[in-house]
Amino acid sequence: MPTIEVKISDFESLLKDTVDEEKLETLLEKVKGEVKDFFRESDSVKIELNDTNRPDLWTPEGIVRQIRPAKRSWSERYPFFDTSNKAQYHVEISKEVSTVRPYLAACISRGMTVTAPILDQ
């Protein structure tokens, strides 16, 4: 099973709440995860994820995105799912590439500063 190491402070920042080992264990049940090691003094937690079909959960951001709605009574609305808006950008792909790469995924990410701790995870 995949095991990830996460900074507790990063996890709490994303969750907008503090966690102890017991609370984290309860939250991780929602993603089929378990706390393997919890070290508050070194700001580190090892999380084992028991669902290998969900690689989106192999990051603290993915875990928090899955458990955050369970902490409140409403779901987050993502504006990029609104199809009434006309796209501001487009990607042009050469037809010759279609046999080698028949699909494309792209995104524009804004509002986040990439730091060394983020890259470490």
PDB file of N, CA and C in Angstrom:
ATOM      1  N   MET A   1       0.833  -1.181   0.000  1.00  0.00           N
ATOM      2  CA  MET A   1       0.000   0.000   0.000  1.00  0.00           C
ATOM      3  C   MET A   1       0.878   1.245   0.000  1.00  0.00           C
ATOM      4  N   PRO A   2       0.449   2.289  -0.713  1.00  0.00           N
ATOM      5  CA  PRO A   2       1.241   3.520  -0.739  1.00  0.00           C
ATOM      6  C   PRO A   2       1.305   4.160   0.660  1.00  0.00           C
ATOM      7  N   THR A   3       2.487   4.593   1.026  1.00  0.00           N
ATOM      8  CA  THR A   3       2.685   5.325   2.275  1.00  0.00           C
ATOM      9  C   THR A   3       3.330   6.650   1.933  1.00  0.00           C
ATOM     10  N   ILE A   4       2.737   7.735   2.424  1.00  0.00           N
ATOM     11  CA  ILE A   4       3.284   9.065   2.162  1.00  0.00           C
ATOM     12  C   ILE A   4       3.684   9.711   3.477  1.00  0.00           C
ATOM     13  N   GLU A   5       4.677  10.577   3.415  1.00  0.00           N
ATOM     14  CA  GLU A   5       5.095  11.345   4.580  1.00  0.00           C
ATOM     15  C   GLU A   5       4.698  12.794   4.353  1.00  0.00           C
ATOM     16  N   VAL A   6       4.018  13.367   5.332  1.00  0.00           N
ATOM     17  CA  VAL A   6       3.446  14.701   5.200  1.00  0.00           C
ATOM     18  C   VAL A   6       3.861  15.553   6.391  1.00  0.00           C
ATOM     19  N   LYS A   7       4.081  16.833   6.150  1.00  0.00           N
ATOM     20  CA  LYS A   7       4.304  17.763   7.256  1.00  0.00           C
ATOM     21  C   LYS A   7       2.953  18.030   7.921  1.00  0.00           C
ATOM     22  N   ILE A   8       2.898  17.850   9.224  1.00  0.00           N
ATOM     23  CA  ILE A   8       1.643  18.053   9.948  1.00  0.00           C
ATOM     24  C   ILE A   8       1.162  19.488   9.780  1.00  0.00           C
ATOM     25  N   SER A   9       2.080  20.438   9.833  1.00  0.00           N
ATOM     26  CA  SER A   9       1.695  21.851   9.701  1.00  0.00           C
ATOM     27  C   SER A   9       1.093  22.133   8.326  1.00  0.00           C
ATOM     28  N   ASP A  10       1.615  21.492   7.287  1.00  0.00           N
ATOM     29  CA  ASP A  10       1.065  21.661   5.947  1.00  0.00           C
ATOM     30  C   ASP A  10      -0.339  21.081   5.885  1.00  0.00           C
ATOM     31  N   PHE A  11      -0.511  19.904   6.443  1.00  0.00           N
ATOM     32  CA  PHE A  11      -1.823  19.259   6.460  1.00  0.00           C
ATOM     33  C   PHE A  11      -2.838  20.125   7.206  1.00  0.00           C
ATOM     34  N   GLU A  12      -2.428  20.656   8.359  1.00  0.00           N
ATOM     35  CA  GLU A  12      -3.332  21.506   9.148  1.00  0.00           C
ATOM     36  C   GLU A  12      -3.664  22.800   8.409  1.00  0.00           C
ATOM     37  N   SER A  13      -2.688  23.345   7.705  1.00  0.00           N
ATOM     38  CA  SER A  13      -2.919  24.568   6.930  1.00  0.00           C
ATOM     39  C   SER A  13      -3.948  24.327   5.826  1.00  0.00           C
ATOM     40  N   LEU A  14      -3.831  23.220   5.138  1.00  0.00           N
ATOM     41  CA  LEU A  14      -4.787  22.880   4.079  1.00  0.00           C
ATOM     42  C   LEU A  14      -6.168  22.586   4.646  1.00  0.00           C
ATOM     43  N   LEU A  15      -6.195  21.935   5.794  1.00  0.00           N
ATOM     44  CA  LEU A  15      -7.451  21.553   6.428  1.00  0.00           C
ATOM     45  C   LEU A  15      -8.108  22.713   7.160  1.00  0.00           C
ATOM     46  N   LYS A  16      -7.302  23.739   7.459  1.00  0.00           N
ATOM     47  CA  LYS A  16      -7.771  24.894   8.237  1.00  0.00           C
ATOM     48  C   LYS A  16      -8.273  24.463   9.617  1.00  0.00           C
ATOM     49  N   ASP A  17      -7.521  23.542  10.218  1.00  0.00           N
ATOM     50  CA  ASP A  17      -7.850  23.002  11.532  1.00  0.00           C
ATOM     51  C   ASP A  17      -6.603  22.311  12.083  1.00  0.00           C
ATOM     52  N   THR A  18      -6.536  22.197  13.403  1.00  0.00           N
ATOM     53  CA  THR A  18      -5.430  21.458  14.009  1.00  0.00           C
ATOM     54  C   THR A  18      -5.850  20.005  14.195  1.00  0.00           C
ATOM     55  N   VAL A  19      -4.866  19.113  14.185  1.00  0.00           N
ATOM     56  CA  VAL A  19      -5.143  17.688  14.358  1.00  0.00           C
ATOM     57  C   VAL A  19      -4.156  17.079  15.340  1.00  0.00           C
ATOM     58  N   ASP A  20      -4.644  16.138  16.126  1.00  0.00           N
ATOM     59  CA  ASP A  20      -3.756  15.281  16.889  1.00  0.00           C
ATOM     60  C   ASP A  20      -3.831  13.903  16.240  1.00  0.00           C
ATOM     61  N   GLU A  21      -3.101  12.947  16.771  1.00  0.00           N
ATOM     62  CA  GLU A  21      -3.046  11.636  16.124  1.00  0.00           C
ATOM     63  C   GLU A  21      -4.429  10.981  16.055  1.00  0.00           C
ATOM     64  N   GLU A  22      -5.186  11.073  17.127  1.00  0.00           N
ATOM     65  CA  GLU A  22      -6.511  10.438  17.175  1.00  0.00           C
ATOM     66  C   GLU A  22      -7.481  11.080  16.178  1.00  0.00           C
ATOM     67  N   LYS A  23      -7.481  12.409  16.124  1.00  0.00           N
ATOM     68  CA  LYS A  23      -8.373  13.117  15.196  1.00  0.00           C
ATOM     69  C   LYS A  23      -7.994  12.808  13.747  1.00  0.00           C
ATOM     70  N   LEU A  24      -6.672  12.778  13.475  1.00  0.00           N
ATOM     71  CA  LEU A  24      -6.215  12.476  12.124  1.00  0.00           C
ATOM     72  C   LEU A  24      -6.616  11.061  11.725  1.00  0.00           C
ATOM     73  N   GLU A  25      -6.497  10.123  12.648  1.00  0.00           N
ATOM     74  CA  GLU A  25      -6.883   8.743  12.369  1.00  0.00           C
ATOM     75  C   GLU A  25      -8.366   8.671  11.973  1.00  0.00           C
ATOM     76  N   THR A  26      -9.209   9.405  12.677  1.00  0.00           N
ATOM     77  CA  THR A  26     -10.644   9.438  12.371  1.00  0.00           C
ATOM     78  C   THR A  26     -10.892  10.055  10.992  1.00  0.00           C
ATOM     79  N   LEU A  27     -10.216  11.156  10.688  1.00  0.00           N
ATOM     80  CA  LEU A  27     -10.399  11.804   9.385  1.00  0.00           C
ATOM     81  C   LEU A  27      -9.945  10.906   8.243  1.00  0.00           C
ATOM     82  N   LEU A  28      -8.851  10.179   8.464  1.00  0.00           N
ATOM     83  CA  LEU A  28      -8.292   9.336   7.397  1.00  0.00           C
ATOM     84  C   LEU A  28      -9.169   8.133   7.060  1.00  0.00           C
ATOM     85  N   GLU A  29     -10.096   7.802   7.939  1.00  0.00           N
ATOM     86  CA  GLU A  29     -11.021   6.707   7.628  1.00  0.00           C
ATOM     87  C   GLU A  29     -11.804   7.009   6.358  1.00  0.00           C
ATOM     88  N   LYS A  30     -12.024   8.277   6.079  1.00  0.00           N
ATOM     89  CA  LYS A  30     -12.802   8.684   4.899  1.00  0.00           C
ATOM     90  C   LYS A  30     -12.053   8.447   3.588  1.00  0.00           C
ATOM     91  N   VAL A  31     -10.732   8.238   3.681  1.00  0.00           N
ATOM     92  CA  VAL A  31      -9.939   7.975   2.481  1.00  0.00           C
ATOM     93  C   VAL A  31      -9.239   6.613   2.554  1.00  0.00           C
ATOM     94  N   LYS A  32      -9.740   5.762   3.448  1.00  0.00           N
ATOM     95  CA  LYS A  32      -9.154   4.431   3.660  1.00  0.00           C
ATOM     96  C   LYS A  32      -7.668   4.554   4.005  1.00  0.00           C
ATOM     97  N   GLY A  33      -7.363   5.484   4.893  1.00  0.00           N
ATOM     98  CA  GLY A  33      -5.985   5.707   5.304  1.00  0.00           C
ATOM     99  C   GLY A  33      -5.786   5.434   6.777  1.00  0.00           C
ATOM    100  N   GLU A  34      -4.525   5.218   7.153  1.00  0.00           N
ATOM    101  CA  GLU A  34      -4.161   4.962   8.539  1.00  0.00           C
ATOM    102  C   GLU A  34      -2.896   5.734   8.888  1.00  0.00           C
ATOM    103  N   VAL A  35      -2.823   6.214  10.118  1.00  0.00           N
ATOM    104  CA  VAL A  35      -1.616   6.855  10.614  1.00  0.00           C
ATOM    105  C   VAL A  35      -0.626   5.753  10.975  1.00  0.00           C
ATOM    106  N   LYS A  36       0.555   5.786  10.391  1.00  0.00           N
ATOM    107  CA  LYS A  36       1.602   4.812  10.710  1.00  0.00           C
ATOM    108  C   LYS A  36       2.571   5.383  11.740  1.00  0.00           C
ATOM    109  N   ASP A  37       2.958   6.635  11.586  1.00  0.00           N
ATOM    110  CA  ASP A  37       3.843   7.321  12.537  1.00  0.00           C
ATOM    111  C   ASP A  37       3.375   8.756  12.649  1.00  0.00           C
ATOM    112  N   PHE A  38       3.345   9.284  13.869  1.00  0.00           N
ATOM    113  CA  PHE A  38       2.928  10.667  14.105  1.00  0.00           C
ATOM    114  C   PHE A  38       3.944  11.301  15.031  1.00  0.00           C
ATOM    115  N   PHE A  39       4.694  12.271  14.538  1.00  0.00           N
ATOM    116  CA  PHE A  39       5.744  12.928  15.315  1.00  0.00           C
ATOM    117  C   PHE A  39       5.505  14.431  15.312  1.00  0.00           C
ATOM    118  N   ARG A  40       4.772  14.931  16.297  1.00  0.00           N
ATOM    119  CA  ARG A  40       4.478  16.361  16.393  1.00  0.00           C
ATOM    120  C   ARG A  40       5.771  17.166  16.489  1.00  0.00           C
ATOM    121  N   GLU A  41       6.753  16.672  17.260  1.00  0.00           N
ATOM    122  CA  GLU A  41       7.986  17.430  17.474  1.00  0.00           C
ATOM    123  C   GLU A  41       8.802  17.625  16.194  1.00  0.00           C
ATOM    124  N   SER A  42       8.715  16.690  15.273  1.00  0.00           N
ATOM    125  CA  SER A  42       9.430  16.849  13.995  1.00  0.00           C
ATOM    126  C   SER A  42       8.482  17.237  12.860  1.00  0.00           C
ATOM    127  N   ASP A  43       7.195  17.525  13.205  1.00  0.00           N
ATOM    128  CA  ASP A  43       6.209  17.992  12.231  1.00  0.00           C
ATOM    129  C   ASP A  43       6.026  16.996  11.088  1.00  0.00           C
ATOM    130  N   SER A  44       5.966  15.708  11.433  1.00  0.00           N
ATOM    131  CA  SER A  44       5.916  14.684  10.399  1.00  0.00           C
ATOM    132  C   SER A  44       4.890  13.606  10.746  1.00  0.00           C
ATOM    133  N   VAL A  45       4.166  13.170   9.739  1.00  0.00           N
ATOM    134  CA  VAL A  45       3.235  12.050   9.888  1.00  0.00           C
ATOM    135  C   VAL A  45       3.371  11.161   8.662  1.00  0.00           C
ATOM    136  N   LYS A  46       3.381   9.844   8.894  1.00  0.00           N
ATOM    137  CA  LYS A  46       3.371   8.879   7.795  1.00  0.00           C
ATOM    138  C   LYS A  46       1.963   8.305   7.715  1.00  0.00           C
ATOM    139  N   ILE A  47       1.418   8.346   6.511  1.00  0.00           N
ATOM    140  CA  ILE A  47       0.044   7.903   6.270  1.00  0.00           C
ATOM    141  C   ILE A  47       0.077   6.764   5.256  1.00  0.00           C
ATOM    142  N   GLU A  48      -0.531   5.633   5.628  1.00  0.00           N
ATOM    143  CA  GLU A  48      -0.668   4.516   4.702  1.00  0.00           C
ATOM    144  C   GLU A  48      -2.059   4.572   4.088  1.00  0.00           C
ATOM    145  N   LEU A  49      -2.116   4.529   2.767  1.00  0.00           N
ATOM    146  CA  LEU A  49      -3.390   4.595   2.038  1.00  0.00           C
ATOM    147  C   LEU A  49      -3.710   3.212   1.491  1.00  0.00           C
ATOM    148  N   ASN A  50      -4.887   2.723   1.821  1.00  0.00           N
ATOM    149  CA  ASN A  50      -5.263   1.352   1.483  1.00  0.00           C
ATOM    150  C   ASN A  50      -6.046   1.230   0.185  1.00  0.00           C
ATOM    151  N   ASP A  51      -6.206   2.314  -0.548  1.00  0.00           N
ATOM    152  CA  ASP A  51      -6.909   2.274  -1.822  1.00  0.00           C
ATOM    153  C   ASP A  51      -5.934   2.692  -2.924  1.00  0.00           C
ATOM    154  N   THR A  52      -5.346   1.726  -3.587  1.00  0.00           N
ATOM    155  CA  THR A  52      -4.354   2.030  -4.626  1.00  0.00           C
ATOM    156  C   THR A  52      -4.994   2.532  -5.910  1.00  0.00           C
ATOM    157  N   ASN A  53      -6.321   2.495  -6.007  1.00  0.00           N
ATOM    158  CA  ASN A  53      -7.015   2.991  -7.189  1.00  0.00           C
ATOM    159  C   ASN A  53      -7.234   4.493  -7.155  1.00  0.00           C
ATOM    160  N   ARG A  54      -6.751   5.176  -6.125  1.00  0.00           N
ATOM    161  CA  ARG A  54      -6.974   6.611  -5.980  1.00  0.00           C
ATOM    162  C   ARG A  54      -5.635   7.345  -5.836  1.00  0.00           C
ATOM    163  N   PRO A  55      -4.841   7.434  -6.898  1.00  0.00           N
ATOM    164  CA  PRO A  55      -3.567   8.149  -6.789  1.00  0.00           C
ATOM    165  C   PRO A  55      -3.735   9.632  -6.475  1.00  0.00           C
ATOM    166  N   ASP A  56      -4.947  10.182  -6.682  1.00  0.00           N
ATOM    167  CA  ASP A  56      -5.181  11.581  -6.313  1.00  0.00           C
ATOM    168  C   ASP A  56      -5.103  11.767  -4.804  1.00  0.00           C
ATOM    169  N   LEU A  57      -5.171  10.695  -4.037  1.00  0.00           N
ATOM    170  CA  LEU A  57      -5.080  10.786  -2.577  1.00  0.00           C
ATOM    171  C   LEU A  57      -3.647  10.618  -2.068  1.00  0.00           C
ATOM    172  N   TRP A  58      -2.681  10.489  -2.935  1.00  0.00           N
ATOM    173  CA  TRP A  58      -1.308  10.260  -2.515  1.00  0.00           C
ATOM    174  C   TRP A  58      -0.563  11.548  -2.202  1.00  0.00           C
ATOM    175  N   THR A  59      -1.312  12.628  -2.007  1.00  0.00           N
ATOM    176  CA  THR A  59      -0.743  13.920  -1.610  1.00  0.00           C
ATOM    177  C   THR A  59      -1.602  14.489  -0.489  1.00  0.00           C
ATOM    178  N   PRO A  60      -1.045  15.369   0.344  1.00  0.00           N
ATOM    179  CA  PRO A  60      -1.877  15.979   1.384  1.00  0.00           C
ATOM    180  C   PRO A  60      -3.034  16.783   0.788  1.00  0.00           C
ATOM    181  N   GLU A  61      -2.800  17.427  -0.346  1.00  0.00           N
ATOM    182  CA  GLU A  61      -3.860  18.206  -0.995  1.00  0.00           C
ATOM    183  C   GLU A  61      -5.024  17.313  -1.406  1.00  0.00           C
ATOM    184  N   GLY A  62      -4.719  16.150  -1.958  1.00  0.00           N
ATOM    185  CA  GLY A  62      -5.753  15.218  -2.374  1.00  0.00           C
ATOM    186  C   GLY A  62      -6.548  14.669  -1.202  1.00  0.00           C
ATOM    187  N   ILE A  63      -5.847  14.339  -0.123  1.00  0.00           N
ATOM    188  CA  ILE A  63      -6.526  13.825   1.075  1.00  0.00           C
ATOM    189  C   ILE A  63      -7.460  14.881   1.638  1.00  0.00           C
ATOM    190  N   VAL A  64      -6.963  16.105   1.786  1.00  0.00           N
ATOM    191  CA  VAL A  64      -7.782  17.180   2.361  1.00  0.00           C
ATOM    192  C   VAL A  64      -8.972  17.487   1.461  1.00  0.00           C
ATOM    193  N   ARG A  65      -8.771  17.474   0.157  1.00  0.00           N
ATOM    194  CA  ARG A  65      -9.880  17.740  -0.776  1.00  0.00           C
ATOM    195  C   ARG A  65     -10.992  16.700  -0.588  1.00  0.00           C
ATOM    196  N   GLN A  66     -10.631  15.479  -0.247  1.00  0.00           N
ATOM    197  CA  GLN A  66     -11.618  14.422  -0.065  1.00  0.00           C
ATOM    198  C   GLN A  66     -12.308  14.509   1.307  1.00  0.00           C
ATOM    199  N   ILE A  67     -11.573  14.877   2.349  1.00  0.00           N
ATOM    200  CA  ILE A  67     -12.183  14.858   3.687  1.00  0.00           C
ATOM    201  C   ILE A  67     -12.807  16.190   4.101  1.00  0.00           C
ATOM    202  N   ARG A  68     -12.424  17.288   3.456  1.00  0.00           N
ATOM    203  CA  ARG A  68     -12.968  18.596   3.845  1.00  0.00           C
ATOM    204  C   ARG A  68     -14.494  18.662   3.757  1.00  0.00           C
ATOM    205  N   PRO A  69     -15.137  18.157   2.701  1.00  0.00           N
ATOM    206  CA  PRO A  69     -16.606  18.218   2.660  1.00  0.00           C
ATOM    207  C   PRO A  69     -17.266  17.438   3.806  1.00  0.00           C
ATOM    208  N   ALA A  70     -16.618  16.397   4.297  1.00  0.00           N
ATOM    209  CA  ALA A  70     -17.191  15.619   5.400  1.00  0.00           C
ATOM    210  C   ALA A  70     -17.165  16.401   6.704  1.00  0.00           C
ATOM    211  N   LYS A  71     -16.327  17.422   6.790  1.00  0.00           N
ATOM    212  CA  LYS A  71     -16.239  18.236   8.002  1.00  0.00           C
ATOM    213  C   LYS A  71     -17.297  19.336   8.041  1.00  0.00           C
ATOM    214  N   ARG A  72     -17.959  19.560   6.920  1.00  0.00           N
ATOM    215  CA  ARG A  72     -18.984  20.610   6.883  1.00  0.00           C
ATOM    216  C   ARG A  72     -20.217  20.078   6.171  1.00  0.00           C
ATOM    217  N   SER A  73     -21.257  20.848   6.191  1.00  0.00           N
ATOM    218  CA  SER A  73     -22.532  20.361   5.657  1.00  0.00           C
ATOM    219  C   SER A  73     -22.756  20.730   4.189  1.00  0.00           C
ATOM    220  N   TRP A  74     -21.781  21.331   3.530  1.00  0.00           N
ATOM    221  CA  TRP A  74     -21.964  21.711   2.134  1.00  0.00           C
ATOM    222  C   TRP A  74     -20.725  21.329   1.333  1.00  0.00           C
ATOM    223  N   SER A  75     -20.911  21.156   0.039  1.00  0.00           N
ATOM    224  CA  SER A  75     -19.811  20.799  -0.858  1.00  0.00           C
ATOM    225  C   SER A  75     -19.261  22.051  -1.529  1.00  0.00           C
ATOM    226  N   GLU A  76     -17.998  21.984  -1.853  1.00  0.00           N
ATOM    227  CA  GLU A  76     -17.357  23.104  -2.532  1.00  0.00           C
ATOM    228  C   GLU A  76     -17.788  23.136  -3.995  1.00  0.00           C
ATOM    229  N   ARG A  77     -18.014  24.332  -4.511  1.00  0.00           N
ATOM    230  CA  ARG A  77     -18.392  24.498  -5.913  1.00  0.00           C
ATOM    231  C   ARG A  77     -17.174  25.005  -6.665  1.00  0.00           C
ATOM    232  N   TYR A  78     -16.799  24.287  -7.703  1.00  0.00           N
ATOM    233  CA  TYR A  78     -15.640  24.661  -8.504  1.00  0.00           C
ATOM    234  C   TYR A  78     -16.108  25.393  -9.759  1.00  0.00           C
ATOM    235  N   PRO A  79     -15.711  26.657  -9.933  1.00  0.00           N
ATOM    236  CA  PRO A  79     -16.200  27.443 -11.070  1.00  0.00           C
ATOM    237  C   PRO A  79     -15.755  26.907 -12.428  1.00  0.00           C
ATOM    238  N   PHE A  80     -14.664  26.148 -12.487  1.00  0.00           N
ATOM    239  CA  PHE A  80     -14.204  25.668 -13.779  1.00  0.00           C
ATOM    240  C   PHE A  80     -15.109  24.584 -14.359  1.00  0.00           C
ATOM    241  N   PHE A  81     -16.052  24.066 -13.560  1.00  0.00           N
ATOM    242  CA  PHE A  81     -17.026  23.114 -14.094  1.00  0.00           C
ATOM    243  C   PHE A  81     -18.210  23.806 -14.755  1.00  0.00           C
ATOM    244  N   ASP A  82     -18.288  25.118 -14.635  1.00  0.00           N
ATOM    245  CA  ASP A  82     -19.384  25.876 -15.236  1.00  0.00           C
ATOM    246  C   ASP A  82     -19.150  25.959 -16.740  1.00  0.00           C
ATOM    247  N   THR A  83     -20.014  25.337 -17.513  1.00  0.00           N
ATOM    248  CA  THR A  83     -19.827  25.294 -18.966  1.00  0.00           C
ATOM    249  C   THR A  83     -20.418  26.497 -19.677  1.00  0.00           C
ATOM    250  N   SER A  84     -21.055  27.403 -18.932  1.00  0.00           N
ATOM    251  CA  SER A  84     -21.643  28.573 -19.583  1.00  0.00           C
ATOM    252  C   SER A  84     -20.583  29.621 -19.942  1.00  0.00           C
ATOM    253  N   ASN A  85     -19.416  29.538 -19.326  1.00  0.00           N
ATOM    254  CA  ASN A  85     -18.342  30.490 -19.635  1.00  0.00           C
ATOM    255  C   ASN A  85     -17.558  30.034 -20.856  1.00  0.00           C
ATOM    256  N   LYS A  86     -17.234  30.993 -21.716  1.00  0.00           N
ATOM    257  CA  LYS A  86     -16.417  30.684 -22.880  1.00  0.00           C
ATOM    258  C   LYS A  86     -14.957  30.639 -22.442  1.00  0.00           C
ATOM    259  N   ALA A  87     -14.244  29.659 -22.907  1.00  0.00           N
ATOM    260  CA  ALA A  87     -12.834  29.507 -22.544  1.00  0.00           C
ATOM    261  C   ALA A  87     -12.021  30.699 -23.032  1.00  0.00           C
ATOM    262  N   GLN A  88     -11.112  31.158 -22.190  1.00  0.00           N
ATOM    263  CA  GLN A  88     -10.243  32.274 -22.557  1.00  0.00           C
ATOM    264  C   GLN A  88      -8.996  31.800 -23.290  1.00  0.00           C
ATOM    265  N   TYR A  89      -8.670  30.538 -23.149  1.00  0.00           N
ATOM    266  CA  TYR A  89      -7.454  29.989 -23.744  1.00  0.00           C
ATOM    267  C   TYR A  89      -7.806  28.748 -24.551  1.00  0.00           C
ATOM    268  N   HIS A  90      -6.943  28.410 -25.474  1.00  0.00           N
ATOM    269  CA  HIS A  90      -7.113  27.159 -26.199  1.00  0.00           C
ATOM    270  C   HIS A  90      -5.737  26.586 -26.502  1.00  0.00           C
ATOM    271  N   VAL A  91      -5.701  25.291 -26.730  1.00  0.00           N
ATOM    272  CA  VAL A  91      -4.464  24.584 -27.036  1.00  0.00           C
ATOM    273  C   VAL A  91      -4.572  24.061 -28.451  1.00  0.00           C
ATOM    274  N   GLU A  92      -3.568  24.338 -29.240  1.00  0.00           N
ATOM    275  CA  GLU A  92      -3.554  23.838 -30.615  1.00  0.00           C
ATOM    276  C   GLU A  92      -2.618  22.639 -30.690  1.00  0.00           C
ATOM    277  N   ILE A  93      -3.105  21.576 -31.329  1.00  0.00           N
ATOM    278  CA  ILE A  93      -2.335  20.345 -31.437  1.00  0.00           C
ATOM    279  C   ILE A  93      -2.266  19.939 -32.900  1.00  0.00           C
ATOM    280  N   SER A  94      -1.084  19.575 -33.331  1.00  0.00           N
ATOM    281  CA  SER A  94      -0.900  19.115 -34.701  1.00  0.00           C
ATOM    282  C   SER A  94      -1.590  17.770 -34.899  1.00  0.00           C
ATOM    283  N   LYS A  95      -2.267  17.593 -36.012  1.00  0.00           N
ATOM    284  CA  LYS A  95      -2.980  16.350 -36.305  1.00  0.00           C
ATOM    285  C   LYS A  95      -2.034  15.147 -36.378  1.00  0.00           C
ATOM    286  N   GLU A  96      -0.780  15.384 -36.748  1.00  0.00           N
ATOM    287  CA  GLU A  96       0.189  14.285 -36.843  1.00  0.00           C
ATOM    288  C   GLU A  96       0.458  13.629 -35.494  1.00  0.00           C
ATOM    289  N   VAL A  97       0.226  14.336 -34.431  1.00  0.00           N
ATOM    290  CA  VAL A  97       0.513  13.832 -33.096  1.00  0.00           C
ATOM    291  C   VAL A  97      -0.602  12.905 -32.599  1.00  0.00           C
ATOM    292  N   SER A  98      -1.770  12.968 -33.194  1.00  0.00           N
ATOM    293  CA  SER A  98      -2.936  12.244 -32.681  1.00  0.00           C
ATOM    294  C   SER A  98      -2.742  10.724 -32.621  1.00  0.00           C
ATOM    295  N   THR A  99      -1.923  10.163 -33.498  1.00  0.00           N
ATOM    296  CA  THR A  99      -1.706   8.707 -33.430  1.00  0.00           C
ATOM    297  C   THR A  99      -0.785   8.330 -32.269  1.00  0.00           C
ATOM    298  N   VAL A 100       0.077   9.232 -31.882  1.00  0.00           N
ATOM    299  CA  VAL A 100       1.001   8.973 -30.779  1.00  0.00           C
ATOM    300  C   VAL A 100       0.380   9.371 -29.442  1.00  0.00           C
ATOM    301  N   ARG A 101      -0.278  10.518 -29.439  1.00  0.00           N
ATOM    302  CA  ARG A 101      -0.912  11.034 -28.224  1.00  0.00           C
ATOM    303  C   ARG A 101      -2.348  11.433 -28.550  1.00  0.00           C
ATOM    304  N   PRO A 102      -3.275  10.497 -28.430  1.00  0.00           N
ATOM    305  CA  PRO A 102      -4.655  10.795 -28.818  1.00  0.00           C
ATOM    306  C   PRO A 102      -5.408  11.691 -27.827  1.00  0.00           C
ATOM    307  N   TYR A 103      -4.889  11.878 -26.626  1.00  0.00           N
ATOM    308  CA  TYR A 103      -5.578  12.695 -25.620  1.00  0.00           C
ATOM    309  C   TYR A 103      -4.633  13.733 -25.043  1.00  0.00           C
ATOM    310  N   LEU A 104      -5.200  14.819 -24.563  1.00  0.00           N
ATOM    311  CA  LEU A 104      -4.417  15.887 -23.969  1.00  0.00           C
ATOM    312  C   LEU A 104      -5.141  16.396 -22.732  1.00  0.00           C
ATOM    313  N   ALA A 105      -4.372  16.708 -21.717  1.00  0.00           N
ATOM    314  CA  ALA A 105      -4.913  17.365 -20.528  1.00  0.00           C
ATOM    315  C   ALA A 105      -4.055  18.603 -20.284  1.00  0.00           C
ATOM    316  N   ALA A 106      -4.685  19.687 -19.900  1.00  0.00           N
ATOM    317  CA  ALA A 106      -3.960  20.923 -19.653  1.00  0.00           C
ATOM    318  C   ALA A 106      -4.659  21.698 -18.548  1.00  0.00           C
ATOM    319  N   CYS A 107      -3.922  22.548 -17.885  1.00  0.00           N
ATOM    320  CA  CYS A 107      -4.531  23.398 -16.862  1.00  0.00           C
ATOM    321  C   CYS A 107      -3.713  24.668 -16.699  1.00  0.00           C
ATOM    322  N   ILE A 108      -4.332  25.650 -16.106  1.00  0.00           N
ATOM    323  CA  ILE A 108      -3.662  26.881 -15.715  1.00  0.00           C
ATOM    324  C   ILE A 108      -3.833  26.984 -14.213  1.00  0.00           C
ATOM    325  N   SER A 109      -2.734  27.103 -13.510  1.00  0.00           N
ATOM    326  CA  SER A 109      -2.785  27.165 -12.048  1.00  0.00           C
ATOM    327  C   SER A 109      -2.347  28.550 -11.595  1.00  0.00           C
ATOM    328  N   ARG A 110      -3.158  29.149 -10.726  1.00  0.00           N
ATOM    329  CA  ARG A 110      -2.856  30.490 -10.228  1.00  0.00           C
ATOM    330  C   ARG A 110      -3.029  30.533  -8.718  1.00  0.00           C
ATOM    331  N   GLY A 111      -2.395  31.528  -8.110  1.00  0.00           N
ATOM    332  CA  GLY A 111      -2.642  31.809  -6.707  1.00  0.00           C
ATOM    333  C   GLY A 111      -1.872  30.962  -5.724  1.00  0.00           C
ATOM    334  N   MET A 112      -0.829  30.279  -6.165  1.00  0.00           N
ATOM    335  CA  MET A 112      -0.050  29.460  -5.253  1.00  0.00           C
ATOM    336  C   MET A 112       1.426  29.733  -5.483  1.00  0.00           C
ATOM    337  N   THR A 113       2.144  29.903  -4.404  1.00  0.00           N
ATOM    338  CA  THR A 113       3.582  30.072  -4.492  1.00  0.00           C
ATOM    339  C   THR A 113       4.242  28.727  -4.236  1.00  0.00           C
ATOM    340  N   VAL A 114       5.051  28.278  -5.160  1.00  0.00           N
ATOM    341  CA  VAL A 114       5.744  27.009  -5.000  1.00  0.00           C
ATOM    342  C   VAL A 114       6.959  27.242  -4.106  1.00  0.00           C
ATOM    343  N   THR A 115       6.999  26.517  -3.000  1.00  0.00           N
ATOM    344  CA  THR A 115       8.077  26.656  -2.024  1.00  0.00           C
ATOM    345  C   THR A 115       8.825  25.333  -1.901  1.00  0.00           C
ATOM    346  N   ALA A 116       9.974  25.376  -1.248  1.00  0.00           N
ATOM    347  CA  ALA A 116      10.763  24.159  -1.041  1.00  0.00           C
ATOM    348  C   ALA A 116       9.978  23.084  -0.288  1.00  0.00           C
ATOM    349  N   PRO A 117       9.243  23.426   0.797  1.00  0.00           N
ATOM    350  CA  PRO A 117       8.473  22.380   1.474  1.00  0.00           C
ATOM    351  C   PRO A 117       7.411  21.735   0.576  1.00  0.00           C
ATOM    352  N   ILE A 118       6.809  22.504  -0.293  1.00  0.00           N
ATOM    353  CA  ILE A 118       5.814  21.939  -1.216  1.00  0.00           C
ATOM    354  C   ILE A 118       6.491  20.965  -2.168  1.00  0.00           C
ATOM    355  N   LEU A 119       7.664  21.341  -2.681  1.00  0.00           N
ATOM    356  CA  LEU A 119       8.384  20.461  -3.595  1.00  0.00           C
ATOM    357  C   LEU A 119       8.904  19.213  -2.888  1.00  0.00           C
ATOM    358  N   ASP A 120       9.229  19.322  -1.601  1.00  0.00           N
ATOM    359  CA  ASP A 120       9.709  18.167  -0.840  1.00  0.00           C
ATOM    360  C   ASP A 120       8.663  17.078  -0.737  1.00  0.00           C
ATOM    361  N   GLN A 121       7.397  17.483  -0.698  1.00  0.00           N
ATOM    362  CA  GLN A 121       6.339  16.488  -0.580  1.00  0.00           C
ATOM    363  C   GLN A 121       6.040  15.945  -1.946  1.00  0.00           C
TER     364      GLN A 121
END
